[in-house]
PDB file of all heavy atoms in Angstrom:
ATOM      1  N   TYR A   1    -106.353  78.170-214.558  1.00  0.00           N
ATOM      2  CA  TYR A   1    -105.605  79.302-213.998  1.00  0.00           C
ATOM      3  C   TYR A   1    -106.510  80.138-213.088  1.00  0.00           C
ATOM      4  O   TYR A   1    -107.720  80.208-213.294  1.00  0.00           O
ATOM      5  CB  TYR A   1    -105.048  80.141-215.146  1.00  0.00           C
ATOM      6  CG  TYR A   1    -104.182  81.296-214.734  1.00  0.00           C
ATOM      7  CD1 TYR A   1    -103.155  81.129-213.813  1.00  0.00           C
ATOM      8  CD2 TYR A   1    -104.388  82.554-215.285  1.00  0.00           C
ATOM      9  CE1 TYR A   1    -102.351  82.198-213.457  1.00  0.00           C
ATOM     10  CE2 TYR A   1    -103.582  83.626-214.941  1.00  0.00           C
ATOM     11  CZ  TYR A   1    -102.564  83.447-214.017  1.00  0.00           C
ATOM     12  OH  TYR A   1    -101.769  84.495-213.657  1.00  0.00           O
ATOM     13  N   ALA A   2    -105.938  80.786-212.065  1.00  0.00           N
ATOM     14  CA  ALA A   2    -106.722  81.551-211.087  1.00  0.00           C
ATOM     15  C   ALA A   2    -107.134  82.932-211.592  1.00  0.00           C
ATOM     16  O   ALA A   2    -108.042  83.543-211.047  1.00  0.00           O
ATOM     17  CB  ALA A   2    -105.927  81.705-209.792  1.00  0.00           C
ATOM     18  N   TRP A   3    -106.468  83.491-212.593  1.00  0.00           N
ATOM     19  CA  TRP A   3    -106.794  84.780-213.208  1.00  0.00           C
ATOM     20  C   TRP A   3    -106.888  85.931-212.203  1.00  0.00           C
ATOM     21  O   TRP A   3    -107.940  86.560-212.065  1.00  0.00           O
ATOM     22  CB  TRP A   3    -108.100  84.696-214.009  1.00  0.00           C
ATOM     23  CG  TRP A   3    -108.017  83.728-215.151  1.00  0.00           C
ATOM     24  CD1 TRP A   3    -108.633  82.514-215.244  1.00  0.00           C
ATOM     25  CD2 TRP A   3    -107.226  83.872-216.339  1.00  0.00           C
ATOM     26  NE1 TRP A   3    -108.273  81.895-216.419  1.00  0.00           N
ATOM     27  CE2 TRP A   3    -107.421  82.708-217.105  1.00  0.00           C
ATOM     28  CE3 TRP A   3    -106.396  84.868-216.821  1.00  0.00           C
ATOM     29  CZ2 TRP A   3    -106.779  82.515-218.336  1.00  0.00           C
ATOM     30  CZ3 TRP A   3    -105.764  84.679-218.037  1.00  0.00           C
ATOM     31  CH2 TRP A   3    -105.958  83.517-218.787  1.00  0.00           C
ATOM     32  N   PRO A   4    -105.792  86.259-211.519  1.00  0.00           N
ATOM     33  CA  PRO A   4    -105.839  87.428-210.618  1.00  0.00           C
ATOM     34  C   PRO A   4    -106.083  88.737-211.364  1.00  0.00           C
ATOM     35  O   PRO A   4    -106.604  89.689-210.794  1.00  0.00           O
ATOM     36  CB  PRO A   4    -104.460  87.409-209.940  1.00  0.00           C
ATOM     37  CG  PRO A   4    -103.590  86.617-210.876  1.00  0.00           C
ATOM     38  CD  PRO A   4    -104.478  85.586-211.496  1.00  0.00           C
ATOM     39  N   GLY A   5    -105.707  88.778-212.661  1.00  0.00           N
ATOM     40  CA  GLY A   5    -105.927  89.979-213.466  1.00  0.00           C
ATOM     41  C   GLY A   5    -107.228  89.970-214.238  1.00  0.00           C
ATOM     42  O   GLY A   5    -107.518  90.905-214.984  1.00  0.00           O
ATOM     43  N   ASN A   6    -108.014  88.892-214.083  1.00  0.00           N
ATOM     44  CA  ASN A   6    -109.342  88.768-214.670  1.00  0.00           C
ATOM     45  C   ASN A   6    -109.342  88.922-216.192  1.00  0.00           C
ATOM     46  O   ASN A   6    -108.399  88.492-216.842  1.00  0.00           O
ATOM     47  CB  ASN A   6    -110.298  89.743-213.986  1.00  0.00           C
ATOM     48  CG  ASN A   6    -110.552  89.358-212.543  1.00  0.00           C
ATOM     49  OD1 ASN A   6    -111.149  88.330-212.271  1.00  0.00           O
ATOM     50  ND2 ASN A   6    -110.066  90.168-211.608  1.00  0.00           N
ATOM     51  N   VAL A   7    -110.401  89.521-216.748  1.00  0.00           N
ATOM     52  CA  VAL A   7    -110.572  89.565-218.201  1.00  0.00           C
ATOM     53  C   VAL A   7    -109.447  90.348-218.863  1.00  0.00           C
ATOM     54  O   VAL A   7    -108.998  90.006-219.960  1.00  0.00           O
ATOM     55  CB  VAL A   7    -111.941  90.185-218.568  1.00  0.00           C
ATOM     56  CG1 VAL A   7    -112.108  90.279-220.080  1.00  0.00           C
ATOM     57  CG2 VAL A   7    -113.070  89.355-217.970  1.00  0.00           C
ATOM     58  N   ARG A   8    -108.966  91.391-218.197  1.00  0.00           N
ATOM     59  CA  ARG A   8    -107.866  92.175-218.768  1.00  0.00           C
ATOM     60  C   ARG A   8    -106.624  91.305-218.940  1.00  0.00           C
ATOM     61  O   ARG A   8    -105.905  91.399-219.941  1.00  0.00           O
ATOM     62  CB  ARG A   8    -107.556  93.370-217.866  1.00  0.00           C
ATOM     63  CG  ARG A   8    -106.472  94.284-218.448  1.00  0.00           C
ATOM     64  CD  ARG A   8    -106.169  95.441-217.522  1.00  0.00           C
ATOM     65  NE  ARG A   8    -107.321  96.316-217.361  1.00  0.00           N
ATOM     66  CZ  ARG A   8    -107.877  96.587-216.182  1.00  0.00           C
ATOM     67  NH1 ARG A   8    -107.403  96.041-215.080  1.00  0.00           N
ATOM     68  NH2 ARG A   8    -108.906  97.402-216.102  1.00  0.00           N
ATOM     69  N   GLU A   9    -106.352  90.439-217.959  1.00  0.00           N
ATOM     70  CA  GLU A   9    -105.191  89.555-218.071  1.00  0.00           C
ATOM     71  C   GLU A   9    -105.386  88.552-219.197  1.00  0.00           C
ATOM     72  O   GLU A   9    -104.442  88.239-219.935  1.00  0.00           O
ATOM     73  CB  GLU A   9    -104.968  88.824-216.745  1.00  0.00           C
ATOM     74  CG  GLU A   9    -103.716  87.948-216.740  1.00  0.00           C
ATOM     75  CD  GLU A   9    -103.545  87.183-215.449  1.00  0.00           C
ATOM     76  OE1 GLU A   9    -104.404  87.299-214.559  1.00  0.00           O
ATOM     77  OE2 GLU A   9    -102.535  86.457-215.338  1.00  0.00           O
ATOM     78  N   LEU A  10    -106.615  88.050-219.367  1.00  0.00           N
ATOM     79  CA  LEU A  10    -106.892  87.112-220.457  1.00  0.00           C
ATOM     80  C   LEU A  10    -106.638  87.767-221.807  1.00  0.00           C
ATOM     81  O   LEU A  10    -106.053  87.162-222.708  1.00  0.00           O
ATOM     82  CB  LEU A  10    -108.333  86.618-220.371  1.00  0.00           C
ATOM     83  CG  LEU A  10    -108.823  85.749-221.536  1.00  0.00           C
ATOM     84  CD1 LEU A  10    -108.005  84.466-221.642  1.00  0.00           C
ATOM     85  CD2 LEU A  10    -110.306  85.417-221.377  1.00  0.00           C
ATOM     86  N   ARG A  11    -107.071  89.001-221.948  1.00  0.00           N
ATOM     87  CA  ARG A  11    -106.851  89.719-223.209  1.00  0.00           C
ATOM     88  C   ARG A  11    -105.358  89.860-223.501  1.00  0.00           C
ATOM     89  O   ARG A  11    -104.903  89.642-224.633  1.00  0.00           O
ATOM     90  CB  ARG A  11    -107.502  91.102-223.143  1.00  0.00           C
ATOM     91  CG  ARG A  11    -107.394  91.901-224.447  1.00  0.00           C
ATOM     92  CD  ARG A  11    -107.919  93.316-224.246  1.00  0.00           C
ATOM     93  NE  ARG A  11    -107.946  94.057-225.492  1.00  0.00           N
ATOM     94  CZ  ARG A  11    -106.900  94.652-226.039  1.00  0.00           C
ATOM     95  NH1 ARG A  11    -105.712  94.566-225.445  1.00  0.00           N
ATOM     96  NH2 ARG A  11    -107.006  95.307-227.180  1.00  0.00           N
ATOM     97  N   ASN A  12    -104.574  90.237-222.490  1.00  0.00           N
ATOM     98  CA  ASN A  12    -103.132  90.377-222.685  1.00  0.00           C
ATOM     99  C   ASN A  12    -102.482  89.046-223.035  1.00  0.00           C
ATOM    100  O   ASN A  12    -101.556  88.984-223.859  1.00  0.00           O
ATOM    101  CB  ASN A  12    -102.492  90.957-221.421  1.00  0.00           C
ATOM    102  CG  ASN A  12    -102.916  92.390-221.167  1.00  0.00           C
ATOM    103  OD1 ASN A  12    -103.371  93.073-222.082  1.00  0.00           O
ATOM    104  ND2 ASN A  12    -102.794  92.847-219.938  1.00  0.00           N
ATOM    105  N   LEU A  13    -102.982  87.960-222.427  1.00  0.00           N
ATOM    106  CA  LEU A  13    -102.426  86.641-222.720  1.00  0.00           C
ATOM    107  C   LEU A  13    -102.708  86.240-224.169  1.00  0.00           C
ATOM    108  O   LEU A  13    -101.827  85.717-224.867  1.00  0.00           O
ATOM    109  CB  LEU A  13    -103.008  85.608-221.759  1.00  0.00           C
ATOM    110  CG  LEU A  13    -102.437  84.197-221.862  1.00  0.00           C
ATOM    111  CD1 LEU A  13    -102.353  83.563-220.493  1.00  0.00           C
ATOM    112  CD2 LEU A  13    -103.308  83.330-222.772  1.00  0.00           C
ATOM    113  N   ILE A  14    -103.933  86.497-224.645  1.00  0.00           N
ATOM    114  CA  ILE A  14    -104.277  86.180-226.032  1.00  0.00           C
ATOM    115  C   ILE A  14    -103.416  86.999-226.987  1.00  0.00           C
ATOM    116  O   ILE A  14    -102.970  86.495-228.033  1.00  0.00           O
ATOM    117  CB  ILE A  14    -105.774  86.445-226.286  1.00  0.00           C
ATOM    118  CG1 ILE A  14    -106.633  85.470-225.465  1.00  0.00           C
ATOM    119  CG2 ILE A  14    -106.096  86.325-227.771  1.00  0.00           C
ATOM    120  CD1 ILE A  14    -106.433  84.019-225.814  1.00  0.00           C
ATOM    121  N   GLU A  15    -103.138  88.238-226.623  1.00  0.00           N
ATOM    122  CA  GLU A  15    -102.275  89.069-227.468  1.00  0.00           C
ATOM    123  C   GLU A  15    -100.874  88.465-227.557  1.00  0.00           C
ATOM    124  O   GLU A  15    -100.274  88.395-228.644  1.00  0.00           O
ATOM    125  CB  GLU A  15    -102.212  90.489-226.918  1.00  0.00           C
ATOM    126  CG  GLU A  15    -101.378  91.435-227.778  1.00  0.00           C
ATOM    127  CD  GLU A  15    -101.476  92.877-227.328  1.00  0.00           C
ATOM    128  OE1 GLU A  15    -102.249  93.157-226.380  1.00  0.00           O
ATOM    129  OE2 GLU A  15    -100.780  93.726-227.915  1.00  0.00           O
ATOM    130  N   ARG A  16    -100.331  88.009-226.410  1.00  0.00           N
ATOM    131  CA  ARG A  16     -99.004  87.372-226.438  1.00  0.00           C
ATOM    132  C   ARG A  16     -99.039  86.092-227.260  1.00  0.00           C
ATOM    133  O   ARG A  16     -98.101  85.788-228.007  1.00  0.00           O
ATOM    134  CB  ARG A  16     -98.539  87.071-225.003  1.00  0.00           C
ATOM    135  CG  ARG A  16     -98.210  88.297-224.194  1.00  0.00           C
ATOM    136  CD  ARG A  16     -97.340  87.968-222.991  1.00  0.00           C
ATOM    137  NE  ARG A  16     -97.981  87.049-222.073  1.00  0.00           N
ATOM    138  CZ  ARG A  16     -98.788  87.429-221.082  1.00  0.00           C
ATOM    139  NH1 ARG A  16     -99.062  88.704-220.910  1.00  0.00           N
ATOM    140  NH2 ARG A  16     -99.317  86.540-220.276  1.00  0.00           N
ATOM    141  N   TRP A  17    -100.116  85.336-227.150  1.00  0.00           N
ATOM    142  CA  TRP A  17    -100.244  84.083-227.898  1.00  0.00           C
ATOM    143  C   TRP A  17    -100.261  84.345-229.402  1.00  0.00           C
ATOM    144  O   TRP A  17     -99.603  83.646-230.173  1.00  0.00           O
ATOM    145  CB  TRP A  17    -101.523  83.366-227.463  1.00  0.00           C
ATOM    146  CG  TRP A  17    -101.822  82.113-228.229  1.00  0.00           C
ATOM    147  CD1 TRP A  17    -101.048  80.986-228.298  1.00  0.00           C
ATOM    148  CD2 TRP A  17    -102.966  81.859-229.046  1.00  0.00           C
ATOM    149  NE1 TRP A  17    -101.655  80.030-229.099  1.00  0.00           N
ATOM    150  CE2 TRP A  17    -102.831  80.554-229.566  1.00  0.00           C
ATOM    151  CE3 TRP A  17    -104.100  82.597-229.363  1.00  0.00           C
ATOM    152  CZ2 TRP A  17    -103.789  79.979-230.408  1.00  0.00           C
ATOM    153  CZ3 TRP A  17    -105.051  82.030-230.191  1.00  0.00           C
ATOM    154  CH2 TRP A  17    -104.896  80.736-230.704  1.00  0.00           C
ATOM    155  N   LEU A  18    -100.971  85.371-229.832  1.00  0.00           N
ATOM    156  CA  LEU A  18    -101.007  85.705-231.255  1.00  0.00           C
ATOM    157  C   LEU A  18     -99.644  86.145-231.764  1.00  0.00           C
ATOM    158  O   LEU A  18     -99.271  85.873-232.909  1.00  0.00           O
ATOM    159  CB  LEU A  18    -102.041  86.804-231.513  1.00  0.00           C
ATOM    160  CG  LEU A  18    -103.512  86.402-231.393  1.00  0.00           C
ATOM    161  CD1 LEU A  18    -104.404  87.635-231.457  1.00  0.00           C
ATOM    162  CD2 LEU A  18    -103.889  85.417-232.500  1.00  0.00           C
ATOM    163  N   ILE A  19     -98.892  86.824-230.908  1.00  0.00           N
ATOM    164  CA  ILE A  19     -97.570  87.311-231.324  1.00  0.00           C
ATOM    165  C   ILE A  19     -96.552  86.181-231.329  1.00  0.00           C
ATOM    166  O   ILE A  19     -95.787  86.011-232.286  1.00  0.00           O
ATOM    167  CB  ILE A  19     -97.111  88.448-230.390  1.00  0.00           C
ATOM    168  CG1 ILE A  19     -98.030  89.667-230.548  1.00  0.00           C
ATOM    169  CG2 ILE A  19     -95.668  88.841-230.698  1.00  0.00           C
ATOM    170  CD1 ILE A  19     -97.783  90.746-229.524  1.00  0.00           C
ATOM    171  N   LEU A  20     -96.540  85.372-230.235  1.00  0.00           N
ATOM    172  CA  LEU A  20     -95.540  84.318-230.108  1.00  0.00           C
ATOM    173  C   LEU A  20     -95.865  83.110-230.970  1.00  0.00           C
ATOM    174  O   LEU A  20     -94.974  82.416-231.457  1.00  0.00           O
ATOM    175  CB  LEU A  20     -95.418  83.886-228.644  1.00  0.00           C
ATOM    176  CG  LEU A  20     -94.916  84.959-227.659  1.00  0.00           C
ATOM    177  CD1 LEU A  20     -94.991  84.445-226.233  1.00  0.00           C
ATOM    178  CD2 LEU A  20     -93.503  85.378-228.021  1.00  0.00           C
ATOM    179  N   GLY A  21     -97.167  82.818-231.124  1.00  0.00           N
ATOM    180  CA  GLY A  21     -97.581  81.694-231.964  1.00  0.00           C
ATOM    181  C   GLY A  21     -97.238  80.339-231.401  1.00  0.00           C
ATOM    182  O   GLY A  21     -97.161  79.364-232.161  1.00  0.00           O
ATOM    183  N   ASN A  22     -97.021  80.252-230.092  1.00  0.00           N
ATOM    184  CA  ASN A  22     -96.622  78.986-229.495  1.00  0.00           C
ATOM    185  C   ASN A  22     -97.400  78.784-228.196  1.00  0.00           C
ATOM    186  O   ASN A  22     -97.244  79.551-227.251  1.00  0.00           O
ATOM    187  CB  ASN A  22     -95.111  78.977-229.212  1.00  0.00           C
ATOM    188  CG  ASN A  22     -94.625  77.603-228.818  1.00  0.00           C
ATOM    189  OD1 ASN A  22     -95.312  76.854-228.131  1.00  0.00           O
ATOM    190  ND2 ASN A  22     -93.415  77.266-229.258  1.00  0.00           N
ATOM    191  N   ILE A  23     -98.239  77.771-228.164  1.00  0.00           N
ATOM    192  CA  ILE A  23     -99.072  77.538-226.983  1.00  0.00           C
ATOM    193  C   ILE A  23     -98.222  77.276-225.752  1.00  0.00           C
ATOM    194  O   ILE A  23     -98.546  77.720-224.656  1.00  0.00           O
ATOM    195  CB  ILE A  23    -100.042  76.359-227.224  1.00  0.00           C
ATOM    196  CG1 ILE A  23    -101.089  76.772-228.255  1.00  0.00           C
ATOM    197  CG2 ILE A  23    -100.713  75.931-225.923  1.00  0.00           C
ATOM    198  CD1 ILE A  23    -102.093  75.679-228.573  1.00  0.00           C
ATOM    199  N   SER A  24     -97.122  76.569-225.902  1.00  0.00           N
ATOM    200  CA  SER A  24     -96.310  76.243-224.732  1.00  0.00           C
ATOM    201  C   SER A  24     -95.771  77.504-224.081  1.00  0.00           C
ATOM    202  O   SER A  24     -95.651  77.580-222.859  1.00  0.00           O
ATOM    203  CB  SER A  24     -95.145  75.329-225.135  1.00  0.00           C
ATOM    204  OG  SER A  24     -94.303  75.977-226.084  1.00  0.00           O
ATOM    205  N   ASP A  25     -95.458  78.520-224.909  1.00  0.00           N
ATOM    206  CA  ASP A  25     -94.987  79.778-224.337  1.00  0.00           C
ATOM    207  C   ASP A  25     -96.056  80.423-223.473  1.00  0.00           C
ATOM    208  O   ASP A  25     -95.784  81.017-222.444  1.00  0.00           O
ATOM    209  CB  ASP A  25     -94.577  80.752-225.445  1.00  0.00           C
ATOM    210  CG  ASP A  25     -93.337  80.283-226.184  1.00  0.00           C
ATOM    211  OD1 ASP A  25     -92.540  79.546-225.589  1.00  0.00           O
ATOM    212  OD2 ASP A  25     -93.195  80.658-227.354  1.00  0.00           O
ATOM    213  N   VAL A  26     -97.294  80.301-223.914  1.00  0.00           N
ATOM    214  CA  VAL A  26     -98.392  80.904-223.176  1.00  0.00           C
ATOM    215  C   VAL A  26     -98.696  80.125-221.910  1.00  0.00           C
ATOM    216  O   VAL A  26     -98.829  80.680-220.828  1.00  0.00           O
ATOM    217  CB  VAL A  26     -99.662  80.978-224.063  1.00  0.00           C
ATOM    218  CG1 VAL A  26    -100.826  81.508-223.258  1.00  0.00           C
ATOM    219  CG2 VAL A  26     -99.395  81.860-225.261  1.00  0.00           C
ATOM    220  N   THR A  27     -98.794  78.812-222.034  1.00  0.00           N
ATOM    221  CA  THR A  27     -99.157  78.005-220.870  1.00  0.00           C
ATOM    222  C   THR A  27     -98.098  78.104-219.791  1.00  0.00           C
ATOM    223  O   THR A  27     -98.427  78.065-218.604  1.00  0.00           O
ATOM    224  CB  THR A  27     -99.340  76.531-221.272  1.00  0.00           C
ATOM    225  OG1 THR A  27     -98.171  76.069-221.941  1.00  0.00           O
ATOM    226  CG2 THR A  27    -100.533  76.383-222.187  1.00  0.00           C
ATOM    227  N   SER A  28     -96.836  78.238-220.150  1.00  0.00           N
ATOM    228  CA  SER A  28     -95.809  78.388-219.125  1.00  0.00           C
ATOM    229  C   SER A  28     -95.978  79.702-218.384  1.00  0.00           C
ATOM    230  O   SER A  28     -95.742  79.785-217.186  1.00  0.00           O
ATOM    231  CB  SER A  28     -94.406  78.322-219.751  1.00  0.00           C
ATOM    232  OG  SER A  28     -94.198  79.411-220.640  1.00  0.00           O
ATOM    233  N   SER A  29     -96.443  80.743-219.088  1.00  0.00           N
ATOM    234  CA  SER A  29     -96.647  82.024-218.409  1.00  0.00           C
ATOM    235  C   SER A  29     -97.873  81.994-217.528  1.00  0.00           C
ATOM    236  O   SER A  29     -97.907  82.613-216.477  1.00  0.00           O
ATOM    237  CB  SER A  29     -96.769  83.164-219.433  1.00  0.00           C
ATOM    238  OG  SER A  29     -97.944  83.024-220.198  1.00  0.00           O
TER     239      SER A  29
END
């Protein structure tokens, strides 16, 4: 991924992953 939001975006993505519990949901985003 290109990470336009950098480390802050990565942190938010990990938070969504912990909440959703589904890797496919994260990778699609």
